Amino acid sequence: MKAILSHRSIRKYKSTPIEESLLNEILHAGVRASTTGNMQVYSIVVTTEHDIKKQLLPCHFNQPMVMQAPVVLTFCADFNRFNKWCLQRNAKPGYDNFLSFFTAAIDALLVAQNVCIAAENNGLGICYLGTTTYTADKIIDVLKLPKGVVPVTTVVVGYPDEAPELTDRLSLAAVLHREIYQDYSVGDIDQIYAAKEAMPLTKKLLEENGKETLAQIFTDNRYNRTDNVAFTKVLLKVLSNQGFMNNEM
């Protein structure tokens, strides 16, 4: 519990390698995660070689931690293996649709979080890379992922070379609904985001970006509509190419 509550995203790493036995222990914790129907429709690509990490670097917007961290883990939705097993056992798979991708993506993310918790419990640092779905097509080429396999998230792992402060989070009350969903009033929204909006960091960001509100930094700078639509088109094309967009009976 302590490791979960003290989680920090680490973006600077020491060059110290991770022992193979420790890495395997952490990855084994991953495969013990919950999984839909006990199918385990995911795969983990472990990247430690400099040349391959260098190829992955632009896929993750050239963030230095991709090269600094000794291990880069790419978690993939993977029906390739399961489909082949079905075909080799005289069973006809019907997993070429969006629902199946979504199922496998959930599996992959559950595994990723298990791995992250295990890593932090062993004194390692981690950072999720949200760039994975933005450049899934390029990652597929670098890692030579076959049809039926789509990268969902990437995690860098290593020994921390920094000790950042805890990042703020909304309160439990902000995200918790008892029995049924209780929609938010104007007053609720004001109260929920008041502390975040009052932080010194927020004031700094507003000044640096010339914005009136913190929300505008998200909608205009960090996750704007133009980028969202562009990346959506890339991902939908990836899903089609990898065999997950069949909507016919």
Protein backbone atom coordinates (compact mmCIF):
# COMPACT_ATOMS: atom_id res chain seq x y z
CA MET A 1 0.00 0.00 0.00
CA LYS A 2 2.81 2.41 0.86
CA ALA A 3 4.35 2.12 -2.62
CA ILE A 4 1.00 2.82 -4.28
CA LEU A 5 0.32 5.91 -2.18
CA SER A 6 3.82 7.27 -2.76
CA HIS A 7 3.83 6.74 -6.54
CA ARG A 8 5.77 9.28 -8.57
CA SER A 9 6.42 9.36 -12.29
CA ILE A 10 10.20 9.17 -12.72
CA ARG A 11 11.68 10.85 -15.80
CA LYS A 12 15.40 10.69 -14.92
CA TYR A 13 17.19 7.37 -14.42
CA LYS A 14 20.55 6.05 -13.33
CA SER A 15 22.46 3.87 -15.77
CA THR A 16 22.39 0.97 -13.27
CA PRO A 17 21.03 -2.13 -15.04
CA ILE A 18 18.16 -4.15 -13.60
CA GLU A 19 19.15 -7.68 -12.65
CA GLU A 20 17.49 -10.25 -14.90
CA SER A 21 16.10 -12.13 -11.91
CA LEU A 22 14.46 -8.98 -10.55
CA LEU A 23 13.07 -8.05 -13.95
CA ASN A 24 11.58 -11.51 -14.36
CA GLU A 25 10.05 -11.32 -10.88
CA ILE A 26 8.39 -8.03 -11.77
CA LEU A 27 7.13 -9.32 -15.11
CA HIS A 28 5.80 -12.46 -13.44
CA ALA A 29 3.75 -10.22 -11.16
CA GLY A 30 2.31 -8.76 -14.36
CA VAL A 31 1.04 -12.06 -15.71
CA ARG A 32 -0.79 -12.71 -12.44
CA ALA A 33 -3.09 -9.77 -13.21
CA SER A 34 -6.80 -10.23 -13.81
CA THR A 35 -7.66 -11.13 -17.40
CA THR A 36 -10.87 -11.49 -19.40
CA GLY A 37 -11.97 -15.13 -19.52
CA ASN A 38 -8.46 -16.22 -18.50
CA MET A 39 -7.43 -15.66 -22.13
CA GLN A 40 -4.42 -13.41 -21.40
CA VAL A 41 -4.74 -11.63 -24.73
CA TYR A 42 -1.70 -9.40 -24.31
CA SER A 43 2.04 -9.44 -24.86
CA ILE A 44 4.94 -7.53 -23.29
CA VAL A 45 7.87 -6.48 -25.46
CA VAL A 46 10.99 -5.94 -23.34
CA THR A 47 13.49 -3.56 -24.94
CA THR A 48 16.97 -3.11 -23.48
CA GLU A 49 19.18 -2.82 -26.58
CA HIS A 50 20.43 0.66 -27.36
CA ASP A 51 19.73 0.49 -31.09
CA ILE A 52 16.09 -0.52 -30.68
CA LYS A 53 15.51 2.07 -27.97
CA LYS A 54 16.96 4.64 -30.36
CA GLN A 55 14.40 3.61 -32.96
CA LEU A 56 11.63 3.90 -30.36
CA LEU A 57 12.84 7.31 -29.21
CA PRO A 58 11.05 9.42 -31.88
CA CYS A 59 7.90 7.33 -31.36
CA HIS A 60 7.85 8.78 -27.85
CA PHE A 61 8.54 12.37 -28.90
CA ASN A 62 12.27 12.06 -28.14
CA GLN A 63 11.81 11.98 -24.38
CA PRO A 64 15.30 11.33 -22.89
CA MET A 65 14.03 8.76 -20.39
CA VAL A 66 13.50 6.29 -23.25
CA MET A 67 17.28 6.09 -23.63
CA GLN A 68 18.17 6.64 -19.94
CA ALA A 69 15.99 3.91 -18.44
CA PRO A 70 17.59 0.47 -18.72
CA VAL A 71 14.29 -1.18 -19.65
CA VAL A 72 11.45 -0.08 -21.93
CA LEU A 73 8.30 -2.20 -21.74
CA THR A 74 5.69 -2.04 -24.49
CA PHE A 75 2.38 -3.59 -23.46
CA CYS A 76 0.32 -4.82 -26.38
CA ALA A 77 -3.22 -5.98 -26.99
CA ASP A 78 -2.54 -9.35 -28.60
CA PHE A 79 -5.02 -11.72 -30.20
CA ASN A 80 -2.39 -13.11 -32.59
CA ARG A 81 -1.30 -15.84 -30.21
CA PHE A 82 -4.85 -16.73 -29.12
CA ASN A 83 -6.11 -16.82 -32.72
CA LYS A 84 -3.32 -19.18 -33.74
CA TRP A 85 -4.10 -21.49 -30.82
CA CYS A 86 -7.78 -21.55 -31.81
CA LEU A 87 -6.99 -22.38 -35.43
CA GLN A 88 -4.54 -25.11 -34.45
CA ARG A 89 -7.25 -26.68 -32.24
CA ASN A 90 -10.01 -26.71 -34.88
CA ALA A 91 -11.78 -23.68 -33.37
CA LYS A 92 -12.89 -20.70 -35.43
CA PRO A 93 -11.86 -17.39 -33.78
CA GLY A 94 -14.18 -14.39 -34.04
CA TYR A 95 -11.86 -11.75 -32.63
CA ASP A 96 -11.35 -9.41 -35.59
CA ASN A 97 -13.59 -6.67 -34.17
CA PHE A 98 -13.30 -3.57 -32.02
CA LEU A 99 -14.75 -5.28 -28.94
CA SER A 100 -11.92 -7.81 -29.03
CA PHE A 101 -9.32 -5.05 -29.27
CA PHE A 102 -10.93 -3.30 -26.32
CA THR A 103 -10.89 -6.56 -24.33
CA ALA A 104 -7.22 -7.11 -25.09
CA ALA A 105 -6.36 -3.49 -24.34
CA ILE A 106 -7.94 -3.82 -20.90
CA ASP A 107 -5.90 -6.98 -20.32
CA ALA A 108 -2.70 -5.21 -21.34
CA LEU A 109 -3.33 -2.25 -19.03
CA LEU A 110 -4.10 -4.51 -16.06
CA VAL A 111 -0.79 -6.28 -16.62
CA ALA A 112 1.06 -2.97 -16.98
CA GLN A 113 -0.23 -1.69 -13.65
CA ASN A 114 0.72 -4.92 -11.87
CA VAL A 115 4.22 -4.59 -13.30
CA CYS A 116 4.46 -0.97 -12.19
CA ILE A 117 3.38 -1.73 -8.64
CA ALA A 118 5.84 -4.62 -8.41
CA ALA A 119 8.64 -2.43 -9.79
CA GLU A 120 8.00 0.34 -7.28
CA ASN A 121 7.79 -2.19 -4.45
CA ASN A 122 11.34 -3.19 -5.39
CA GLY A 123 12.77 0.33 -5.32
CA LEU A 124 12.51 0.99 -9.04
CA GLY A 125 10.93 3.99 -10.72
CA ILE A 126 8.47 3.93 -13.59
CA CYS A 127 6.79 6.28 -16.02
CA TYR A 128 3.92 5.58 -18.37
CA LEU A 129 4.35 7.00 -21.88
CA GLY A 130 1.06 8.21 -23.30
CA THR A 131 2.67 8.61 -26.70
CA THR A 132 2.20 4.91 -27.50
CA THR A 133 -1.25 5.23 -29.03
CA TYR A 134 -0.26 8.41 -30.88
CA THR A 135 2.43 6.62 -32.88
CA ALA A 136 1.20 3.04 -32.74
CA ASP A 137 1.85 2.61 -36.47
CA LYS A 138 5.53 3.47 -36.09
CA ILE A 139 5.96 1.31 -32.97
CA ILE A 140 4.44 -1.61 -34.86
CA ASP A 141 7.17 -1.22 -37.49
CA VAL A 142 10.01 -0.89 -34.98
CA LEU A 143 8.94 -3.88 -32.86
CA LYS A 144 7.77 -5.91 -35.88
CA LEU A 145 4.33 -6.55 -34.38
CA PRO A 146 2.23 -8.93 -36.52
CA LYS A 147 -1.45 -8.62 -37.38
CA GLY A 148 -3.59 -8.97 -34.29
CA VAL A 149 -1.14 -7.05 -32.10
CA VAL A 150 -1.48 -3.36 -31.17
CA PRO A 151 0.71 -1.41 -28.72
CA VAL A 152 -1.44 0.08 -25.96
CA THR A 153 1.00 1.65 -23.50
CA THR A 154 4.72 1.87 -22.79
CA VAL A 155 6.45 1.97 -19.41
CA VAL A 156 10.09 2.88 -18.77
CA VAL A 157 11.63 1.21 -15.73
CA GLY A 158 14.87 1.83 -13.86
CA TYR A 159 16.54 3.16 -10.73
CA PRO A 160 15.45 6.76 -10.10
CA ASP A 161 17.91 9.60 -10.52
CA GLU A 162 15.49 12.15 -9.11
CA ALA A 163 13.03 12.45 -6.25
CA PRO A 164 10.13 14.58 -7.46
CA GLU A 165 7.34 15.76 -5.20
CA LEU A 166 4.06 13.88 -5.24
CA THR A 167 1.81 15.06 -8.05
CA ASP A 168 -1.54 16.44 -6.97
CA ARG A 169 -4.64 14.30 -7.38
CA LEU A 170 -8.33 15.04 -7.11
CA SER A 171 -9.89 13.90 -3.84
CA LEU A 172 -11.63 10.54 -3.58
CA ALA A 173 -14.92 12.40 -3.15
CA ALA A 174 -14.42 13.96 -6.58
CA VAL A 175 -14.48 10.63 -8.39
CA LEU A 176 -16.64 8.47 -6.13
CA HIS A 177 -20.33 7.79 -6.79
CA ARG A 178 -22.42 5.76 -4.35
CA GLU A 179 -24.90 3.29 -5.85
CA ILE A 180 -25.62 5.38 -8.98
CA TYR A 181 -23.82 8.16 -10.85
CA GLN A 182 -24.46 11.56 -9.29
CA ASP A 183 -23.88 14.26 -11.91
CA TYR A 184 -21.87 17.35 -10.99
CA SER A 185 -23.39 20.74 -10.35
CA VAL A 186 -21.61 24.01 -11.15
CA GLY A 187 -20.79 24.30 -7.47
CA ASP A 188 -19.43 20.74 -7.36
CA ILE A 189 -17.04 21.46 -10.23
CA ASP A 190 -15.84 24.68 -8.59
CA GLN A 191 -15.18 22.85 -5.33
CA ILE A 192 -13.51 19.80 -6.91
CA TYR A 193 -11.00 21.82 -8.93
CA ALA A 194 -10.44 24.70 -6.48
CA ALA A 195 -7.29 23.27 -4.89
CA LYS A 196 -5.71 22.40 -8.24
CA GLU A 197 -6.49 25.83 -9.66
CA ALA A 198 -5.01 27.56 -6.61
CA MET A 199 -1.64 25.81 -6.77
CA PRO A 200 1.50 27.94 -7.39
CA LEU A 201 2.30 25.66 -10.33
CA THR A 202 -1.00 26.55 -11.93
CA LYS A 203 -0.26 30.26 -11.64
CA LYS A 204 3.13 29.66 -13.27
CA LEU A 205 1.58 27.68 -16.12
CA LEU A 206 -1.02 30.36 -16.75
CA GLU A 207 1.66 33.02 -16.98
CA GLU A 208 3.91 30.93 -19.23
CA ASN A 209 1.08 30.01 -21.60
CA GLY A 210 -0.84 33.27 -21.51
CA LYS A 211 -4.06 31.55 -20.53
CA GLU A 212 -6.96 32.57 -18.34
CA THR A 213 -7.74 29.16 -16.83
CA LEU A 214 -6.03 25.83 -16.21
CA ALA A 215 -8.70 24.11 -18.28
CA GLN A 216 -7.57 26.15 -21.32
CA ILE A 217 -4.06 24.75 -20.96
CA PHE A 218 -5.53 21.28 -21.41
CA THR A 219 -7.93 22.12 -24.23
CA ASP A 220 -5.67 24.50 -26.16
CA ASN A 221 -2.13 23.28 -25.45
CA ARG A 222 -1.80 19.78 -24.07
CA TYR A 223 -4.68 17.84 -25.60
CA ASN A 224 -6.27 19.98 -28.28
CA ARG A 225 -8.95 18.92 -30.73
CA THR A 226 -6.68 19.05 -33.79
CA ASP A 227 -4.15 16.64 -32.28
CA ASN A 228 -6.88 14.40 -30.87
CA VAL A 229 -8.50 13.99 -34.27
CA ALA A 230 -5.17 13.43 -36.03
CA PHE A 231 -4.06 10.77 -33.56
CA THR A 232 -7.52 9.17 -33.67
CA LYS A 233 -7.19 8.72 -37.43
CA VAL A 234 -3.79 7.06 -36.97
CA LEU A 235 -5.13 4.68 -34.31
CA LEU A 236 -8.25 3.75 -36.27
CA LYS A 237 -6.10 2.96 -39.29
CA VAL A 238 -3.81 0.85 -37.10
CA LEU A 239 -6.79 -1.09 -35.74
CA SER A 240 -8.02 -1.70 -39.27
CA ASN A 241 -4.60 -2.81 -40.53
CA GLN A 242 -4.09 -5.07 -37.51
CA GLY A 243 -7.45 -6.77 -38.01
CA PHE A 244 -9.72 -5.28 -35.36
CA MET A 245 -12.34 -3.34 -37.34
CA ASN A 246 -14.54 -6.05 -38.85
CA ASN A 247 -18.16 -5.11 -38.12
CA GLU A 248 -19.77 -7.79 -40.28
CA MET A 249 -21.48 -10.90 -38.90
